[in-house]
Amino acid sequence: MLVDDGRGPEDPLHLIVEIKGYRRQDAVVKKETMDVYWIPGVNNLGNYGRWAFAEFTDVFQMEEDFAAKVEAEFDKMIDSAAARSDTQNVP
């Protein structure tokens, strides 16, 4: 799903949304892989736009949680970019 998270339609956030009812161990590992490897990797590469992953486990809470998850993912990306920038600009 493409989300306009404030950067305008020319720079949408590619948001991968997964809805899980029952969460087995393989789902935990998949989320961890997305959070630790895939999302940071594709964002660091920079050729495919900006990406984030959100997992919802309670479909009835989805509407309420959606905006918060998008904002949290956006904040994590900003913090990560700022940290990389700080380490690259140190003489």
PDB file of N, CA and C in Angstrom:
ATOM      1  N   MET A   1       0.847  -1.152   0.000  1.00  0.00           N
ATOM      2  CA  MET A   1       0.000   0.000   0.000  1.00  0.00           C
ATOM      3  C   MET A   1       0.902   1.227   0.000  1.00  0.00           C
ATOM      4  N   LEU A   2       0.539   2.233  -0.786  1.00  0.00           N
ATOM      5  CA  LEU A   2       1.285   3.487  -0.822  1.00  0.00           C
ATOM      6  C   LEU A   2       0.610   4.485   0.106  1.00  0.00           C
ATOM      7  N   VAL A   3       1.412   5.128   0.963  1.00  0.00           N
ATOM      8  CA  VAL A   3       0.890   6.050   1.962  1.00  0.00           C
ATOM      9  C   VAL A   3       1.574   7.402   1.800  1.00  0.00           C
ATOM     10  N   ASP A   4       0.781   8.455   1.737  1.00  0.00           N
ATOM     11  CA  ASP A   4       1.340   9.803   1.757  1.00  0.00           C
ATOM     12  C   ASP A   4       1.530  10.176   3.221  1.00  0.00           C
ATOM     13  N   ASP A   5       2.767  10.086   3.680  1.00  0.00           N
ATOM     14  CA  ASP A   5       3.063  10.348   5.085  1.00  0.00           C
ATOM     15  C   ASP A   5       3.618  11.752   5.303  1.00  0.00           C
ATOM     16  N   GLY A   6       3.266  12.652   4.414  1.00  0.00           N
ATOM     17  CA  GLY A   6       3.664  14.043   4.585  1.00  0.00           C
ATOM     18  C   GLY A   6       4.742  14.501   3.620  1.00  0.00           C
ATOM     19  N   ARG A   7       5.307  13.577   2.871  1.00  0.00           N
ATOM     20  CA  ARG A   7       6.338  13.959   1.900  1.00  0.00           C
ATOM     21  C   ARG A   7       5.775  14.196   0.514  1.00  0.00           C
ATOM     22  N   GLY A   8       4.468  14.042   0.380  1.00  0.00           N
ATOM     23  CA  GLY A   8       3.808  14.313  -0.886  1.00  0.00           C
ATOM     24  C   GLY A   8       3.697  13.085  -1.767  1.00  0.00           C
ATOM     25  N   PRO A   9       2.883  13.204  -2.809  1.00  0.00           N
ATOM     26  CA  PRO A   9       2.624  12.048  -3.674  1.00  0.00           C
ATOM     27  C   PRO A   9       3.839  11.595  -4.486  1.00  0.00           C
ATOM     28  N   GLU A  10       4.824  12.438  -4.646  1.00  0.00           N
ATOM     29  CA  GLU A  10       6.013  12.044  -5.407  1.00  0.00           C
ATOM     30  C   GLU A  10       6.984  11.195  -4.579  1.00  0.00           C
ATOM     31  N   ASP A  11       6.768  11.098  -3.271  1.00  0.00           N
ATOM     32  CA  ASP A  11       7.637  10.293  -2.394  1.00  0.00           C
ATOM     33  C   ASP A  11       6.785   9.507  -1.394  1.00  0.00           C
ATOM     34  N   PRO A  12       5.975   8.560  -1.894  1.00  0.00           N
ATOM     35  CA  PRO A  12       5.105   7.818  -0.981  1.00  0.00           C
ATOM     36  C   PRO A  12       5.877   6.784  -0.169  1.00  0.00           C
ATOM     37  N   LEU A  13       5.321   6.435   0.970  1.00  0.00           N
ATOM     38  CA  LEU A  13       5.848   5.356   1.791  1.00  0.00           C
ATOM     39  C   LEU A  13       5.191   4.064   1.323  1.00  0.00           C
ATOM     40  N   HIS A  14       5.996   3.065   0.974  1.00  0.00           N
ATOM     41  CA  HIS A  14       5.485   1.741   0.615  1.00  0.00           C
ATOM     42  C   HIS A  14       5.300   0.977   1.926  1.00  0.00           C
ATOM     43  N   LEU A  15       4.070   0.776   2.312  1.00  0.00           N
ATOM     44  CA  LEU A  15       3.778   0.132   3.581  1.00  0.00           C
ATOM     45  C   LEU A  15       3.278  -1.284   3.341  1.00  0.00           C
ATOM     46  N   ILE A  16       4.003  -2.248   3.877  1.00  0.00           N
ATOM     47  CA  ILE A  16       3.581  -3.642   3.824  1.00  0.00           C
ATOM     48  C   ILE A  16       2.755  -3.890   5.074  1.00  0.00           C
ATOM     49  N   VAL A  17       1.512  -4.293   4.891  1.00  0.00           N
ATOM     50  CA  VAL A  17       0.599  -4.531   6.008  1.00  0.00           C
ATOM     51  C   VAL A  17       0.271  -6.016   6.055  1.00  0.00           C
ATOM     52  N   GLU A  18       0.449  -6.596   7.225  1.00  0.00           N
ATOM     53  CA  GLU A  18       0.083  -7.995   7.420  1.00  0.00           C
ATOM     54  C   GLU A  18      -0.899  -8.084   8.574  1.00  0.00           C
ATOM     55  N   ILE A  19      -1.966  -8.825   8.336  1.00  0.00           N
ATOM     56  CA  ILE A  19      -2.983  -9.029   9.365  1.00  0.00           C
ATOM     57  C   ILE A  19      -2.906 -10.484   9.792  1.00  0.00           C
ATOM     58  N   LYS A  20      -2.655 -10.693  11.072  1.00  0.00           N
ATOM     59  CA  LYS A  20      -2.521 -12.043  11.607  1.00  0.00           C
ATOM     60  C   LYS A  20      -3.554 -12.248  12.695  1.00  0.00           C
ATOM     61  N   GLY A  21      -4.204 -13.394  12.658  1.00  0.00           N
ATOM     62  CA  GLY A  21      -5.084 -13.775  13.751  1.00  0.00           C
ATOM     63  C   GLY A  21      -4.252 -14.482  14.813  1.00  0.00           C
ATOM     64  N   TYR A  22      -3.985 -15.731  14.573  1.00  0.00           N
ATOM     65  CA  TYR A  22      -3.133 -16.515  15.462  1.00  0.00           C
ATOM     66  C   TYR A  22      -1.696 -16.353  15.005  1.00  0.00           C
ATOM     67  N   ARG A  23      -0.804 -16.101  15.929  1.00  0.00           N
ATOM     68  CA  ARG A  23       0.585 -15.792  15.600  1.00  0.00           C
ATOM     69  C   ARG A  23       1.502 -16.910  16.070  1.00  0.00           C
ATOM     70  N   ARG A  24       1.898 -17.783  15.134  1.00  0.00           N
ATOM     71  CA  ARG A  24       2.836 -18.859  15.466  1.00  0.00           C
ATOM     72  C   ARG A  24       4.262 -18.316  15.463  1.00  0.00           C
ATOM     73  N   GLN A  25       5.196 -19.162  15.850  1.00  0.00           N
ATOM     74  CA  GLN A  25       6.603 -18.755  15.931  1.00  0.00           C
ATOM     75  C   GLN A  25       7.145 -18.303  14.574  1.00  0.00           C
ATOM     76  N   ASP A  26       6.704 -18.934  13.481  1.00  0.00           N
ATOM     77  CA  ASP A  26       7.201 -18.526  12.164  1.00  0.00           C
ATOM     78  C   ASP A  26       6.798 -17.091  11.836  1.00  0.00           C
ATOM     79  N   ALA A  27       5.640 -16.657  12.326  1.00  0.00           N
ATOM     80  CA  ALA A  27       5.216 -15.272  12.107  1.00  0.00           C
ATOM     81  C   ALA A  27       6.083 -14.308  12.903  1.00  0.00           C
ATOM     82  N   VAL A  28       6.494 -14.709  14.092  1.00  0.00           N
ATOM     83  CA  VAL A  28       7.381 -13.885  14.913  1.00  0.00           C
ATOM     84  C   VAL A  28       8.722 -13.714  14.198  1.00  0.00           C
ATOM     85  N   VAL A  29       9.237 -14.805  13.654  1.00  0.00           N
ATOM     86  CA  VAL A  29      10.518 -14.763  12.942  1.00  0.00           C
ATOM     87  C   VAL A  29      10.399 -13.913  11.677  1.00  0.00           C
ATOM     88  N   LYS A  30       9.276 -14.039  10.964  1.00  0.00           N
ATOM     89  CA  LYS A  30       9.094 -13.246   9.747  1.00  0.00           C
ATOM     90  C   LYS A  30       9.073 -11.753  10.072  1.00  0.00           C
ATOM     91  N   LYS A  31       8.332 -11.359  11.120  1.00  0.00           N
ATOM     92  CA  LYS A  31       8.284  -9.943  11.498  1.00  0.00           C
ATOM     93  C   LYS A  31       9.670  -9.440  11.888  1.00  0.00           C
ATOM     94  N   GLU A  32      10.386 -10.240  12.653  1.00  0.00           N
ATOM     95  CA  GLU A  32      11.737  -9.851  13.051  1.00  0.00           C
ATOM     96  C   GLU A  32      12.646  -9.686  11.832  1.00  0.00           C
ATOM     97  N   THR A  33      12.523 -10.597  10.876  1.00  0.00           N
ATOM     98  CA  THR A  33      13.319 -10.507   9.651  1.00  0.00           C
ATOM     99  C   THR A  33      12.981  -9.236   8.878  1.00  0.00           C
ATOM    100  N   MET A  34      11.696  -8.915   8.782  1.00  0.00           N
ATOM    101  CA  MET A  34      11.289  -7.688   8.091  1.00  0.00           C
ATOM    102  C   MET A  34      11.852  -6.453   8.796  1.00  0.00           C
ATOM    103  N   ASP A  35      11.733  -6.428  10.134  1.00  0.00           N
ATOM    104  CA  ASP A  35      12.161  -5.261  10.916  1.00  0.00           C
ATOM    105  C   ASP A  35      13.679  -5.096  10.949  1.00  0.00           C
ATOM    106  N   VAL A  36      14.400  -6.205  11.019  1.00  0.00           N
ATOM    107  CA  VAL A  36      15.851  -6.142  11.230  1.00  0.00           C
ATOM    108  C   VAL A  36      16.640  -6.153   9.922  1.00  0.00           C
ATOM    109  N   TYR A  37      16.143  -6.885   8.918  1.00  0.00           N
ATOM    110  CA  TYR A  37      16.926  -7.048   7.689  1.00  0.00           C
ATOM    111  C   TYR A  37      16.296  -6.411   6.457  1.00  0.00           C
ATOM    112  N   TRP A  38      15.072  -6.825   6.110  1.00  0.00           N
ATOM    113  CA  TRP A  38      14.519  -6.434   4.823  1.00  0.00           C
ATOM    114  C   TRP A  38      14.229  -4.944   4.741  1.00  0.00           C
ATOM    115  N   ILE A  39      13.463  -4.412   5.687  1.00  0.00           N
ATOM    116  CA  ILE A  39      13.094  -2.984   5.641  1.00  0.00           C
ATOM    117  C   ILE A  39      14.340  -2.093   5.701  1.00  0.00           C
ATOM    118  N   PRO A  40      15.254  -2.300   6.670  1.00  0.00           N
ATOM    119  CA  PRO A  40      16.461  -1.466   6.671  1.00  0.00           C
ATOM    120  C   PRO A  40      17.298  -1.646   5.404  1.00  0.00           C
ATOM    121  N   GLY A  41      17.350  -2.871   4.883  1.00  0.00           N
ATOM    122  CA  GLY A  41      18.152  -3.124   3.684  1.00  0.00           C
ATOM    123  C   GLY A  41      17.623  -2.398   2.459  1.00  0.00           C
ATOM    124  N   VAL A  42      16.315  -2.529   2.202  1.00  0.00           N
ATOM    125  CA  VAL A  42      15.749  -1.883   1.023  1.00  0.00           C
ATOM    126  C   VAL A  42      15.776  -0.358   1.175  1.00  0.00           C
ATOM    127  N   ASN A  43      15.580   0.151   2.397  1.00  0.00           N
ATOM    128  CA  ASN A  43      15.648   1.602   2.607  1.00  0.00           C
ATOM    129  C   ASN A  43      17.078   2.118   2.463  1.00  0.00           C
ATOM    130  N   ASN A  44      18.050   1.339   2.917  1.00  0.00           N
ATOM    131  CA  ASN A  44      19.447   1.744   2.785  1.00  0.00           C
ATOM    132  C   ASN A  44      19.887   1.742   1.321  1.00  0.00           C
ATOM    133  N   LEU A  45      19.399   0.778   0.558  1.00  0.00           N
ATOM    134  CA  LEU A  45      19.721   0.720  -0.867  1.00  0.00           C
ATOM    135  C   LEU A  45      19.218   1.971  -1.575  1.00  0.00           C
ATOM    136  N   GLY A  46      17.995   2.383  -1.263  1.00  0.00           N
ATOM    137  CA  GLY A  46      17.475   3.646  -1.767  1.00  0.00           C
ATOM    138  C   GLY A  46      16.931   3.646  -3.182  1.00  0.00           C
ATOM    139  N   ASN A  47      17.003   2.539  -3.890  1.00  0.00           N
ATOM    140  CA  ASN A  47      16.552   2.507  -5.286  1.00  0.00           C
ATOM    141  C   ASN A  47      15.059   2.254  -5.453  1.00  0.00           C
ATOM    142  N   TYR A  48      14.381   1.848  -4.400  1.00  0.00           N
ATOM    143  CA  TYR A  48      12.996   1.421  -4.520  1.00  0.00           C
ATOM    144  C   TYR A  48      12.046   2.229  -3.642  1.00  0.00           C
ATOM    145  N   GLY A  49      12.418   3.426  -3.274  1.00  0.00           N
ATOM    146  CA  GLY A  49      11.574   4.252  -2.430  1.00  0.00           C
ATOM    147  C   GLY A  49      11.727   3.899  -0.963  1.00  0.00           C
ATOM    148  N   ARG A  50      10.818   4.427  -0.177  1.00  0.00           N
ATOM    149  CA  ARG A  50      10.849   4.199   1.278  1.00  0.00           C
ATOM    150  C   ARG A  50       9.844   3.120   1.634  1.00  0.00           C
ATOM    151  N   TRP A  51      10.238   2.226   2.536  1.00  0.00           N
ATOM    152  CA  TRP A  51       9.417   1.078   2.897  1.00  0.00           C
ATOM    153  C   TRP A  51       9.265   0.976   4.410  1.00  0.00           C
ATOM    154  N   ALA A  52       8.129   0.415   4.828  1.00  0.00           N
ATOM    155  CA  ALA A  52       7.877   0.125   6.238  1.00  0.00           C
ATOM    156  C   ALA A  52       6.992  -1.119   6.305  1.00  0.00           C
ATOM    157  N   PHE A  53       6.971  -1.750   7.469  1.00  0.00           N
ATOM    158  CA  PHE A  53       6.186  -2.953   7.688  1.00  0.00           C
ATOM    159  C   PHE A  53       5.350  -2.774   8.941  1.00  0.00           C
ATOM    160  N   ALA A  54       4.075  -3.107   8.860  1.00  0.00           N
ATOM    161  CA  ALA A  54       3.197  -3.043  10.023  1.00  0.00           C
ATOM    162  C   ALA A  54       2.427  -4.349  10.117  1.00  0.00           C
ATOM    163  N   GLU A  55       2.417  -4.916  11.297  1.00  0.00           N
ATOM    164  CA  GLU A  55       1.683  -6.155  11.529  1.00  0.00           C
ATOM    165  C   GLU A  55       0.543  -5.865  12.495  1.00  0.00           C
ATOM    166  N   PHE A  56      -0.651  -6.290  12.132  1.00  0.00           N
ATOM    167  CA  PHE A  56      -1.820  -6.141  12.982  1.00  0.00           C
ATOM    168  C   PHE A  56      -2.279  -7.525  13.403  1.00  0.00           C
ATOM    169  N   THR A  57      -2.477  -7.703  14.698  1.00  0.00           N
ATOM    170  CA  THR A  57      -2.903  -9.005  15.190  1.00  0.00           C
ATOM    171  C   THR A  57      -4.360  -9.007  15.634  1.00  0.00           C
ATOM    172  N   ASP A  58      -4.966  -7.862  15.746  1.00  0.00           N
ATOM    173  CA  ASP A  58      -6.365  -7.778  16.138  1.00  0.00           C
ATOM    174  C   ASP A  58      -7.093  -6.910  15.123  1.00  0.00           C
ATOM    175  N   VAL A  59      -7.861  -7.544  14.256  1.00  0.00           N
ATOM    176  CA  VAL A  59      -8.519  -6.825  13.173  1.00  0.00           C
ATOM    177  C   VAL A  59      -9.447  -5.724  13.698  1.00  0.00           C
ATOM    178  N   PHE A  60     -10.006  -5.882  14.893  1.00  0.00           N
ATOM    179  CA  PHE A  60     -10.906  -4.875  15.437  1.00  0.00           C
ATOM    180  C   PHE A  60     -10.163  -3.640  15.942  1.00  0.00           C
ATOM    181  N   GLN A  61      -8.892  -3.777  16.220  1.00  0.00           N
ATOM    182  CA  GLN A  61      -8.075  -2.642  16.661  1.00  0.00           C
ATOM    183  C   GLN A  61      -7.375  -1.968  15.486  1.00  0.00           C
ATOM    184  N   MET A  62      -7.495  -2.559  14.295  1.00  0.00           N
ATOM    185  CA  MET A  62      -6.735  -2.086  13.148  1.00  0.00           C
ATOM    186  C   MET A  62      -6.936  -0.605  12.849  1.00  0.00           C
ATOM    187  N   GLU A  63      -8.172  -0.165  12.755  1.00  0.00           N
ATOM    188  CA  GLU A  63      -8.431   1.230  12.411  1.00  0.00           C
ATOM    189  C   GLU A  63      -7.811   2.169  13.433  1.00  0.00           C
ATOM    190  N   GLU A  64      -7.966   1.828  14.693  1.00  0.00           N
ATOM    191  CA  GLU A  64      -7.428   2.664  15.769  1.00  0.00           C
ATOM    192  C   GLU A  64      -5.904   2.670  15.758  1.00  0.00           C
ATOM    193  N   ASP A  65      -5.312   1.508  15.484  1.00  0.00           N
ATOM    194  CA  ASP A  65      -3.855   1.372  15.548  1.00  0.00           C
ATOM    195  C   ASP A  65      -3.132   1.807  14.279  1.00  0.00           C
ATOM    196  N   PHE A  66      -3.843   1.873  13.153  1.00  0.00           N
ATOM    197  CA  PHE A  66      -3.183   2.098  11.876  1.00  0.00           C
ATOM    198  C   PHE A  66      -2.378   3.395  11.859  1.00  0.00           C
ATOM    199  N   ALA A  67      -2.988   4.486  12.223  1.00  0.00           N
ATOM    200  CA  ALA A  67      -2.290   5.780  12.203  1.00  0.00           C
ATOM    201  C   ALA A  67      -1.087   5.757  13.136  1.00  0.00           C
ATOM    202  N   ALA A  68      -1.237   5.142  14.292  1.00  0.00           N
ATOM    203  CA  ALA A  68      -0.124   5.068  15.244  1.00  0.00           C
ATOM    204  C   ALA A  68       1.019   4.230  14.689  1.00  0.00           C
ATOM    205  N   LYS A  69       0.707   3.118  14.009  1.00  0.00           N
ATOM    206  CA  LYS A  69       1.762   2.272  13.437  1.00  0.00           C
ATOM    207  C   LYS A  69       2.488   2.993  12.313  1.00  0.00           C
ATOM    208  N   VAL A  70       1.751   3.681  11.461  1.00  0.00           N
ATOM    209  CA  VAL A  70       2.385   4.430  10.379  1.00  0.00           C
ATOM    210  C   VAL A  70       3.305   5.499  10.957  1.00  0.00           C
ATOM    211  N   GLU A  71       2.829   6.222  11.950  1.00  0.00           N
ATOM    212  CA  GLU A  71       3.643   7.258  12.578  1.00  0.00           C
ATOM    213  C   GLU A  71       4.882   6.665  13.253  1.00  0.00           C
ATOM    214  N   ALA A  72       4.722   5.534  13.929  1.00  0.00           N
ATOM    215  CA  ALA A  72       5.852   4.892  14.602  1.00  0.00           C
ATOM    216  C   ALA A  72       6.902   4.439  13.589  1.00  0.00           C
ATOM    217  N   GLU A  73       6.468   3.863  12.467  1.00  0.00           N
ATOM    218  CA  GLU A  73       7.409   3.422  11.431  1.00  0.00           C
ATOM    219  C   GLU A  73       8.124   4.625  10.820  1.00  0.00           C
ATOM    220  N   PHE A  74       7.391   5.695  10.603  1.00  0.00           N
ATOM    221  CA  PHE A  74       7.975   6.907  10.053  1.00  0.00           C
ATOM    222  C   PHE A  74       9.021   7.475  11.014  1.00  0.00           C
ATOM    223  N   ASP A  75       8.687   7.509  12.304  1.00  0.00           N
ATOM    224  CA  ASP A  75       9.626   8.016  13.307  1.00  0.00           C
ATOM    225  C   ASP A  75      10.888   7.163  13.369  1.00  0.00           C
ATOM    226  N   LYS A  76      10.744   5.834  13.268  1.00  0.00           N
ATOM    227  CA  LYS A  76      11.914   4.949  13.280  1.00  0.00           C
ATOM    228  C   LYS A  76      12.805   5.230  12.078  1.00  0.00           C
ATOM    229  N   MET A  77      12.193   5.457  10.911  1.00  0.00           N
ATOM    230  CA  MET A  77      12.986   5.749   9.721  1.00  0.00           C
ATOM    231  C   MET A  77      13.732   7.067   9.871  1.00  0.00           C
ATOM    232  N   ILE A  78      13.079   8.069  10.429  1.00  0.00           N
ATOM    233  CA  ILE A  78      13.725   9.373  10.640  1.00  0.00           C
ATOM    234  C   ILE A  78      14.892   9.233  11.613  1.00  0.00           C
ATOM    235  N   ASP A  79      14.663   8.519  12.721  1.00  0.00           N
ATOM    236  CA  ASP A  79      15.725   8.322  13.711  1.00  0.00           C
ATOM    237  C   ASP A  79      16.908   7.576  13.110  1.00  0.00           C
ATOM    238  N   SER A  80      16.626   6.560  12.311  1.00  0.00           N
ATOM    239  CA  SER A  80      17.683   5.775  11.678  1.00  0.00           C
ATOM    240  C   SER A  80      18.483   6.635  10.697  1.00  0.00           C
ATOM    241  N   ALA A  81      17.789   7.426   9.902  1.00  0.00           N
ATOM    242  CA  ALA A  81      18.470   8.307   8.943  1.00  0.00           C
ATOM    243  C   ALA A  81      19.309   9.352   9.661  1.00  0.00           C
ATOM    244  N   ALA A  82      18.785   9.888  10.747  1.00  0.00           N
ATOM    245  CA  ALA A  82      19.535  10.893  11.518  1.00  0.00           C
ATOM    246  C   ALA A  82      20.782  10.274  12.133  1.00  0.00           C
ATOM    247  N   ALA A  83      20.664   9.045  12.628  1.00  0.00           N
ATOM    248  CA  ALA A  83      21.819   8.371  13.227  1.00  0.00           C
ATOM    249  C   ALA A  83      22.891   8.109  12.175  1.00  0.00           C
ATOM    250  N   ARG A  84      22.479   7.679  10.982  1.00  0.00           N
ATOM    251  CA  ARG A  84      23.454   7.449   9.905  1.00  0.00           C
ATOM    252  C   ARG A  84      24.118   8.755   9.506  1.00  0.00           C
ATOM    253  N   SER A  85      23.336   9.822   9.422  1.00  0.00           N
ATOM    254  CA  SER A  85      23.867  11.120   9.057  1.00  0.00           C
ATOM    255  C   SER A  85      24.879  11.621  10.083  1.00  0.00           C
ATOM    256  N   ASP A  86      24.564  11.402  11.383  1.00  0.00           N
ATOM    257  CA  ASP A  86      25.474  11.827  12.452  1.00  0.00           C
ATOM    258  C   ASP A  86      26.810  11.101  12.377  1.00  0.00           C
ATOM    259  N   THR A  87      26.775   9.820  12.090  1.00  0.00           N
ATOM    260  CA  THR A  87      28.029   9.053  12.032  1.00  0.00           C
ATOM    261  C   THR A  87      28.818   9.363  10.773  1.00  0.00           C
ATOM    262  N   GLN A  88      28.159   9.749   9.707  1.00  0.00           N
ATOM    263  CA  GLN A  88      28.854  10.050   8.453  1.00  0.00           C
ATOM    264  C   GLN A  88      29.445  11.449   8.454  1.00  0.00           C
ATOM    265  N   ASN A  89      28.922  12.347   9.268  1.00  0.00           N
ATOM    266  CA  ASN A  89      29.398  13.724   9.282  1.00  0.00           C
ATOM    267  C   ASN A  89      30.426  13.996  10.372  1.00  0.00           C
ATOM    268  N   VAL A  90      30.821  12.960  11.093  1.00  0.00           N
ATOM    269  CA  VAL A  90      31.810  13.142  12.156  1.00  0.00           C
ATOM    270  C   VAL A  90      33.199  13.177  11.525  1.00  0.00           C
ATOM    271  N   PRO A  91      33.975  14.255  11.780  1.00  0.00           N
ATOM    272  CA  PRO A  91      35.304  14.350  11.170  1.00  0.00           C
ATOM    273  C   PRO A  91      36.287  13.372  11.787  1.00  0.00           C
TER     274      PRO A  91
END
